Amino acid sequence: MSAPAGFPWEEVMAFGLGRLGWPPDQFWAATPREIAAALQAHRRREGRPTDRAGLDALMAAYPDV
Protein backbone atom coordinates (compact mmCIF):
# COMPACT_ATOMS: atom_id res chain seq x y z
CA MET A 1 0.00 0.00 0.00
CA SER A 2 1.43 3.41 -0.97
CA ALA A 3 1.51 6.41 1.34
CA PRO A 4 -1.13 9.09 0.76
CA ALA A 5 -0.04 12.07 -1.30
CA GLY A 6 1.02 15.14 0.64
CA PHE A 7 -1.00 18.32 0.63
CA PRO A 8 -0.37 20.26 -2.63
CA TRP A 9 0.89 23.45 -0.95
CA GLU A 10 2.64 24.77 -4.06
CA GLU A 11 -0.54 24.54 -6.15
CA VAL A 12 -2.80 25.97 -3.44
CA MET A 13 -0.42 28.87 -2.79
CA ALA A 14 -0.10 29.56 -6.53
CA PHE A 15 -3.90 29.68 -6.80
CA GLY A 16 -4.54 31.82 -3.71
CA LEU A 17 -1.59 34.20 -3.95
CA GLY A 18 -1.22 34.24 -7.72
CA ARG A 19 -4.48 33.57 -9.50
CA LEU A 20 -6.77 35.15 -6.90
CA GLY A 21 -4.25 37.81 -5.94
CA TRP A 22 -4.90 37.44 -2.22
CA PRO A 23 -2.26 39.16 -0.07
CA PRO A 24 -0.35 36.69 2.15
CA ASP A 25 -2.19 37.65 5.34
CA GLN A 26 -5.55 37.01 3.67
CA PHE A 27 -4.36 33.70 2.19
CA TRP A 28 -2.98 32.38 5.47
CA ALA A 29 -6.09 33.51 7.39
CA ALA A 30 -8.38 31.62 4.99
CA THR A 31 -9.67 28.24 6.07
CA PRO A 32 -9.28 25.19 3.82
CA ARG A 33 -13.04 25.34 3.26
CA GLU A 34 -12.82 28.98 2.07
CA ILE A 35 -9.96 28.17 -0.30
CA ALA A 36 -11.89 25.18 -1.66
CA ALA A 37 -14.98 27.35 -2.21
CA ALA A 38 -12.90 29.96 -4.07
CA LEU A 39 -11.38 27.23 -6.24
CA GLN A 40 -14.80 25.76 -7.01
CA ALA A 41 -16.20 29.18 -7.97
CA HIS A 42 -13.15 29.84 -10.14
CA ARG A 43 -13.52 26.51 -11.94
CA ARG A 44 -17.19 27.23 -12.69
CA ARG A 45 -16.26 30.55 -14.35
CA GLU A 46 -13.21 29.31 -16.23
CA GLY A 47 -13.67 28.89 -19.95
CA ARG A 48 -17.01 30.64 -20.16
CA PRO A 49 -17.28 33.59 -22.50
CA THR A 50 -18.34 36.92 -21.05
CA ASP A 51 -21.94 37.82 -21.88
CA ARG A 52 -22.96 41.29 -23.07
CA ALA A 53 -23.89 42.51 -19.58
CA GLY A 54 -20.52 41.39 -18.25
CA LEU A 55 -18.70 43.10 -21.10
CA ASP A 56 -20.66 46.32 -20.55
CA ALA A 57 -19.82 46.23 -16.84
CA LEU A 58 -16.11 45.76 -17.58
CA MET A 59 -16.14 48.59 -20.12
CA ALA A 60 -17.83 50.90 -17.61
CA ALA A 61 -15.36 49.96 -14.87
CA TYR A 62 -12.27 50.29 -17.10
CA PRO A 63 -12.94 52.89 -19.81
CA ASP A 64 -10.32 53.50 -22.51
CA VAL A 65 -10.04 57.20 -21.85
PDB file of N, CA and C in Angstrom:
ATOM      1  N   MET A   1       0.850  -1.173   0.000  1.00  0.00           N
ATOM      2  CA  MET A   1       0.000   0.000   0.000  1.00  0.00           C
ATOM      3  C   MET A   1       0.899   1.242   0.000  1.00  0.00           C
ATOM      4  N   SER A   2       0.604   2.197  -0.875  1.00  0.00           N
ATOM      5  CA  SER A   2       1.426   3.406  -0.966  1.00  0.00           C
ATOM      6  C   SER A   2       0.940   4.462   0.025  1.00  0.00           C
ATOM      7  N   ALA A   3       1.850   5.332   0.402  1.00  0.00           N
ATOM      8  CA  ALA A   3       1.512   6.408   1.344  1.00  0.00           C
ATOM      9  C   ALA A   3       0.622   7.430   0.637  1.00  0.00           C
ATOM     10  N   PRO A   4      -0.284   8.070   1.383  1.00  0.00           N
ATOM     11  CA  PRO A   4      -1.129   9.086   0.765  1.00  0.00           C
ATOM     12  C   PRO A   4      -0.288  10.269   0.289  1.00  0.00           C
ATOM     13  N   ALA A   5      -0.751  10.899  -0.760  1.00  0.00           N
ATOM     14  CA  ALA A   5      -0.040  12.066  -1.296  1.00  0.00           C
ATOM     15  C   ALA A   5      -0.086  13.200  -0.286  1.00  0.00           C
ATOM     16  N   GLY A   6       0.978  13.985  -0.254  1.00  0.00           N
ATOM     17  CA  GLY A   6       1.023  15.135   0.637  1.00  0.00           C
ATOM     18  C   GLY A   6       0.109  16.245   0.142  1.00  0.00           C
ATOM     19  N   PHE A   7      -0.148  17.199   0.990  1.00  0.00           N
ATOM     20  CA  PHE A   7      -1.001  18.321   0.627  1.00  0.00           C
ATOM     21  C   PHE A   7      -0.301  19.143  -0.449  1.00  0.00           C
ATOM     22  N   PRO A   8      -1.006  19.533  -1.509  1.00  0.00           N
ATOM     23  CA  PRO A   8      -0.372  20.261  -2.625  1.00  0.00           C
ATOM     24  C   PRO A   8      -0.175  21.750  -2.337  1.00  0.00           C
ATOM     25  N   TRP A   9       0.692  22.065  -1.368  1.00  0.00           N
ATOM     26  CA  TRP A   9       0.893  23.451  -0.950  1.00  0.00           C
ATOM     27  C   TRP A   9       1.272  24.365  -2.101  1.00  0.00           C
ATOM     28  N   GLU A  10       2.179  23.919  -2.958  1.00  0.00           N
ATOM     29  CA  GLU A  10       2.639  24.772  -4.061  1.00  0.00           C
ATOM     30  C   GLU A  10       1.479  25.186  -4.952  1.00  0.00           C
ATOM     31  N   GLU A  11       0.601  24.242  -5.285  1.00  0.00           N
ATOM     32  CA  GLU A  11      -0.540  24.542  -6.149  1.00  0.00           C
ATOM     33  C   GLU A  11      -1.552  25.444  -5.451  1.00  0.00           C
ATOM     34  N   VAL A  12      -1.819  25.165  -4.191  1.00  0.00           N
ATOM     35  CA  VAL A  12      -2.799  25.967  -3.444  1.00  0.00           C
ATOM     36  C   VAL A  12      -2.278  27.393  -3.260  1.00  0.00           C
ATOM     37  N   MET A  13      -0.998  27.528  -2.946  1.00  0.00           N
ATOM     38  CA  MET A  13      -0.422  28.867  -2.793  1.00  0.00           C
ATOM     39  C   MET A  13      -0.416  29.615  -4.124  1.00  0.00           C
ATOM     40  N   ALA A  14      -0.094  28.922  -5.214  1.00  0.00           N
ATOM     41  CA  ALA A  14      -0.098  29.563  -6.530  1.00  0.00           C
ATOM     42  C   ALA A  14      -1.499  30.048  -6.874  1.00  0.00           C
ATOM     43  N   PHE A  15      -2.516  29.275  -6.525  1.00  0.00           N
ATOM     44  CA  PHE A  15      -3.897  29.679  -6.797  1.00  0.00           C
ATOM     45  C   PHE A  15      -4.297  30.871  -5.931  1.00  0.00           C
ATOM     46  N   GLY A  16      -4.099  30.764  -4.632  1.00  0.00           N
ATOM     47  CA  GLY A  16      -4.541  31.820  -3.715  1.00  0.00           C
ATOM     48  C   GLY A  16      -3.762  33.115  -3.851  1.00  0.00           C
ATOM     49  N   LEU A  17      -2.436  33.001  -3.892  1.00  0.00           N
ATOM     50  CA  LEU A  17      -1.593  34.196  -3.952  1.00  0.00           C
ATOM     51  C   LEU A  17      -1.458  34.731  -5.371  1.00  0.00           C
ATOM     52  N   GLY A  18      -1.427  33.826  -6.344  1.00  0.00           N
ATOM     53  CA  GLY A  18      -1.220  34.237  -7.721  1.00  0.00           C
ATOM     54  C   GLY A  18      -2.512  34.498  -8.470  1.00  0.00           C
ATOM     55  N   ARG A  19      -3.277  33.456  -8.673  1.00  0.00           N
ATOM     56  CA  ARG A  19      -4.484  33.565  -9.500  1.00  0.00           C
ATOM     57  C   ARG A  19      -5.533  34.472  -8.874  1.00  0.00           C
ATOM     58  N   LEU A  20      -5.766  34.316  -7.568  1.00  0.00           N
ATOM     59  CA  LEU A  20      -6.767  35.149  -6.897  1.00  0.00           C
ATOM     60  C   LEU A  20      -6.198  36.498  -6.472  1.00  0.00           C
ATOM     61  N   GLY A  21      -4.883  36.562  -6.336  1.00  0.00           N
ATOM     62  CA  GLY A  21      -4.249  37.814  -5.937  1.00  0.00           C
ATOM     63  C   GLY A  21      -4.464  38.172  -4.474  1.00  0.00           C
ATOM     64  N   TRP A  22      -4.741  37.168  -3.651  1.00  0.00           N
ATOM     65  CA  TRP A  22      -4.903  37.444  -2.221  1.00  0.00           C
ATOM     66  C   TRP A  22      -3.554  37.851  -1.637  1.00  0.00           C
ATOM     67  N   PRO A  23      -3.515  38.867  -0.775  1.00  0.00           N
ATOM     68  CA  PRO A  23      -2.260  39.160  -0.072  1.00  0.00           C
ATOM     69  C   PRO A  23      -1.967  38.015   0.908  1.00  0.00           C
ATOM     70  N   PRO A  24      -0.700  37.818   1.278  1.00  0.00           N
ATOM     71  CA  PRO A  24      -0.351  36.695   2.151  1.00  0.00           C
ATOM     72  C   PRO A  24      -1.177  36.605   3.431  1.00  0.00           C
ATOM     73  N   ASP A  25      -1.434  37.739   4.087  1.00  0.00           N
ATOM     74  CA  ASP A  25      -2.194  37.651   5.340  1.00  0.00           C
ATOM     75  C   ASP A  25      -3.612  37.142   5.096  1.00  0.00           C
ATOM     76  N   GLN A  26      -4.215  37.496   3.990  1.00  0.00           N
ATOM     77  CA  GLN A  26      -5.553  37.011   3.673  1.00  0.00           C
ATOM     78  C   GLN A  26      -5.506  35.524   3.324  1.00  0.00           C
ATOM     79  N   PHE A  27      -4.498  35.120   2.549  1.00  0.00           N
ATOM     80  CA  PHE A  27      -4.361  33.704   2.191  1.00  0.00           C
ATOM     81  C   PHE A  27      -4.182  32.830   3.432  1.00  0.00           C
ATOM     82  N   TRP A  28      -3.258  33.210   4.313  1.00  0.00           N
ATOM     83  CA  TRP A  28      -2.976  32.384   5.474  1.00  0.00           C
ATOM     84  C   TRP A  28      -4.096  32.438   6.515  1.00  0.00           C
ATOM     85  N   ALA A  29      -4.945  33.446   6.475  1.00  0.00           N
ATOM     86  CA  ALA A  29      -6.090  33.515   7.386  1.00  0.00           C
ATOM     87  C   ALA A  29      -7.280  32.708   6.870  1.00  0.00           C
ATOM     88  N   ALA A  30      -7.266  32.369   5.579  1.00  0.00           N
ATOM     89  CA  ALA A  30      -8.377  31.619   4.992  1.00  0.00           C
ATOM     90  C   ALA A  30      -8.371  30.177   5.484  1.00  0.00           C
ATOM     91  N   THR A  31      -9.552  29.645   5.682  1.00  0.00           N
ATOM     92  CA  THR A  31      -9.668  28.242   6.070  1.00  0.00           C
ATOM     93  C   THR A  31      -9.593  27.372   4.822  1.00  0.00           C
ATOM     94  N   PRO A  32      -9.260  26.094   4.984  1.00  0.00           N
ATOM     95  CA  PRO A  32      -9.278  25.194   3.816  1.00  0.00           C
ATOM     96  C   PRO A  32     -10.640  25.196   3.109  1.00  0.00           C
ATOM     97  N   ARG A  33     -11.700  25.307   3.859  1.00  0.00           N
ATOM     98  CA  ARG A  33     -13.037  25.338   3.259  1.00  0.00           C
ATOM     99  C   ARG A  33     -13.228  26.587   2.399  1.00  0.00           C
ATOM    100  N   GLU A  34     -12.715  27.733   2.852  1.00  0.00           N
ATOM    101  CA  GLU A  34     -12.818  28.977   2.070  1.00  0.00           C
ATOM    102  C   GLU A  34     -11.990  28.890   0.791  1.00  0.00           C
ATOM    103  N   ILE A  35     -10.811  28.319   0.892  1.00  0.00           N
ATOM    104  CA  ILE A  35      -9.964  28.167  -0.298  1.00  0.00           C
ATOM    105  C   ILE A  35     -10.635  27.211  -1.288  1.00  0.00           C
ATOM    106  N   ALA A  36     -11.194  26.127  -0.791  1.00  0.00           N
ATOM    107  CA  ALA A  36     -11.891  25.175  -1.663  1.00  0.00           C
ATOM    108  C   ALA A  36     -13.092  25.829  -2.339  1.00  0.00           C
ATOM    109  N   ALA A  37     -13.831  26.662  -1.627  1.00  0.00           N
ATOM    110  CA  ALA A  37     -14.983  27.352  -2.214  1.00  0.00           C
ATOM    111  C   ALA A  37     -14.531  28.324  -3.299  1.00  0.00           C
ATOM    112  N   ALA A  38     -13.432  29.033  -3.063  1.00  0.00           N
ATOM    113  CA  ALA A  38     -12.904  29.956  -4.070  1.00  0.00           C
ATOM    114  C   ALA A  38     -12.464  29.187  -5.312  1.00  0.00           C
ATOM    115  N   LEU A  39     -11.824  28.046  -5.118  1.00  0.00           N
ATOM    116  CA  LEU A  39     -11.383  27.227  -6.241  1.00  0.00           C
ATOM    117  C   LEU A  39     -12.579  26.711  -7.035  1.00  0.00           C
ATOM    118  N   GLN A  40     -13.605  26.261  -6.337  1.00  0.00           N
ATOM    119  CA  GLN A  40     -14.804  25.756  -7.009  1.00  0.00           C
ATOM    120  C   GLN A  40     -15.480  26.869  -7.818  1.00  0.00           C
ATOM    121  N   ALA A  41     -15.595  28.053  -7.250  1.00  0.00           N
ATOM    122  CA  ALA A  41     -16.203  29.175  -7.968  1.00  0.00           C
ATOM    123  C   ALA A  41     -15.355  29.541  -9.182  1.00  0.00           C
ATOM    124  N   HIS A  42     -14.054  29.519  -9.035  1.00  0.00           N
ATOM    125  CA  HIS A  42     -13.148  29.843 -10.140  1.00  0.00           C
ATOM    126  C   HIS A  42     -13.292  28.821 -11.267  1.00  0.00           C
ATOM    127  N   ARG A  43     -13.385  27.563 -10.923  1.00  0.00           N
ATOM    128  CA  ARG A  43     -13.523  26.510 -11.939  1.00  0.00           C
ATOM    129  C   ARG A  43     -14.838  26.633 -12.702  1.00  0.00           C
ATOM    130  N   ARG A  44     -15.895  27.059 -12.017  1.00  0.00           N
ATOM    131  CA  ARG A  44     -17.192  27.229 -12.694  1.00  0.00           C
ATOM    132  C   ARG A  44     -17.129  28.340 -13.731  1.00  0.00           C
ATOM    133  N   ARG A  45     -16.353  29.403 -13.447  1.00  0.00           N
ATOM    134  CA  ARG A  45     -16.265  30.549 -14.353  1.00  0.00           C
ATOM    135  C   ARG A  45     -15.282  30.322 -15.486  1.00  0.00           C
ATOM    136  N   GLU A  46     -14.291  29.487 -15.266  1.00  0.00           N
ATOM    137  CA  GLU A  46     -13.211  29.307 -16.231  1.00  0.00           C
ATOM    138  C   GLU A  46     -13.750  28.776 -17.556  1.00  0.00           C
ATOM    139  N   GLY A  47     -13.311  29.383 -18.636  1.00  0.00           N
ATOM    140  CA  GLY A  47     -13.672  28.888 -19.948  1.00  0.00           C
ATOM    141  C   GLY A  47     -15.002  29.392 -20.481  1.00  0.00           C
ATOM    142  N   ARG A  48     -15.740  30.119 -19.688  1.00  0.00           N
ATOM    143  CA  ARG A  48     -17.015  30.645 -20.159  1.00  0.00           C
ATOM    144  C   ARG A  48     -16.812  32.019 -20.761  1.00  0.00           C
ATOM    145  N   PRO A  49     -17.402  32.260 -21.918  1.00  0.00           N
ATOM    146  CA  PRO A  49     -17.276  33.595 -22.499  1.00  0.00           C
ATOM    147  C   PRO A  49     -18.079  34.612 -21.692  1.00  0.00           C
ATOM    148  N   THR A  50     -17.636  35.844 -21.731  1.00  0.00           N
ATOM    149  CA  THR A  50     -18.345  36.919 -21.046  1.00  0.00           C
ATOM    150  C   THR A  50     -19.591  37.276 -21.848  1.00  0.00           C
ATOM    151  N   ASP A  51     -20.717  37.415 -21.171  1.00  0.00           N
ATOM    152  CA  ASP A  51     -21.941  37.822 -21.876  1.00  0.00           C
ATOM    153  C   ASP A  51     -21.937  39.341 -22.059  1.00  0.00           C
ATOM    154  N   ARG A  52     -22.923  39.864 -22.754  1.00  0.00           N
ATOM    155  CA  ARG A  52     -22.956  41.292 -23.067  1.00  0.00           C
ATOM    156  C   ARG A  52     -23.004  42.146 -21.805  1.00  0.00           C
ATOM    157  N   ALA A  53     -23.800  41.738 -20.820  1.00  0.00           N
ATOM    158  CA  ALA A  53     -23.894  42.510 -19.583  1.00  0.00           C
ATOM    159  C   ALA A  53     -22.541  42.549 -18.872  1.00  0.00           C
ATOM    160  N   GLY A  54     -21.833  41.429 -18.868  1.00  0.00           N
ATOM    161  CA  GLY A  54     -20.517  41.385 -18.251  1.00  0.00           C
ATOM    162  C   GLY A  54     -19.520  42.269 -18.979  1.00  0.00           C
ATOM    163  N   LEU A  55     -19.580  42.250 -20.311  1.00  0.00           N
ATOM    164  CA  LEU A  55     -18.701  43.102 -21.100  1.00  0.00           C
ATOM    165  C   LEU A  55     -19.002  44.578 -20.848  1.00  0.00           C
ATOM    166  N   ASP A  56     -20.283  44.933 -20.822  1.00  0.00           N
ATOM    167  CA  ASP A  56     -20.665  46.320 -20.546  1.00  0.00           C
ATOM    168  C   ASP A  56     -20.172  46.775 -19.176  1.00  0.00           C
ATOM    169  N   ALA A  57     -20.276  45.895 -18.185  1.00  0.00           N
ATOM    170  CA  ALA A  57     -19.817  46.231 -16.836  1.00  0.00           C
ATOM    171  C   ALA A  57     -18.302  46.455 -16.814  1.00  0.00           C
ATOM    172  N   LEU A  58     -17.563  45.600 -17.510  1.00  0.00           N
ATOM    173  CA  LEU A  58     -16.110  45.763 -17.582  1.00  0.00           C
ATOM    174  C   LEU A  58     -15.732  47.056 -18.297  1.00  0.00           C
ATOM    175  N   MET A  59     -16.434  47.370 -19.382  1.00  0.00           N
ATOM    176  CA  MET A  59     -16.139  48.593 -20.125  1.00  0.00           C
ATOM    177  C   MET A  59     -16.446  49.833 -19.301  1.00  0.00           C
ATOM    178  N   ALA A  60     -17.490  49.762 -18.480  1.00  0.00           N
ATOM    179  CA  ALA A  60     -17.825  50.896 -17.613  1.00  0.00           C
ATOM    180  C   ALA A  60     -16.793  51.049 -16.496  1.00  0.00           C
ATOM    181  N   ALA A  61     -16.327  49.927 -15.966  1.00  0.00           N
ATOM    182  CA  ALA A  61     -15.357  49.964 -14.873  1.00  0.00           C
ATOM    183  C   ALA A  61     -13.963  50.371 -15.349  1.00  0.00           C
ATOM    184  N   TYR A  62     -13.611  50.027 -16.577  1.00  0.00           N
ATOM    185  CA  TYR A  62     -12.270  50.288 -17.095  1.00  0.00           C
ATOM    186  C   TYR A  62     -12.363  50.956 -18.479  1.00  0.00           C
ATOM    187  N   PRO A  63     -12.800  52.208 -18.510  1.00  0.00           N
ATOM    188  CA  PRO A  63     -12.941  52.892 -19.807  1.00  0.00           C
ATOM    189  C   PRO A  63     -11.573  53.164 -20.441  1.00  0.00           C
ATOM    190  N   ASP A  64     -11.551  53.182 -21.749  1.00  0.00           N
ATOM    191  CA  ASP A  64     -10.320  53.496 -22.509  1.00  0.00           C
ATOM    192  C   ASP A  64     -10.235  55.000 -22.767  1.00  0.00           C
ATOM    193  N   VAL A  65     -10.086  55.738 -21.705  1.00  0.00           N
ATOM    194  CA  VAL A  65     -10.039  57.197 -21.847  1.00  0.00           C
ATOM    195  C   VAL A  65      -8.631  57.688 -21.612  1.00  0.00           C
TER     196      VAL A  65
END
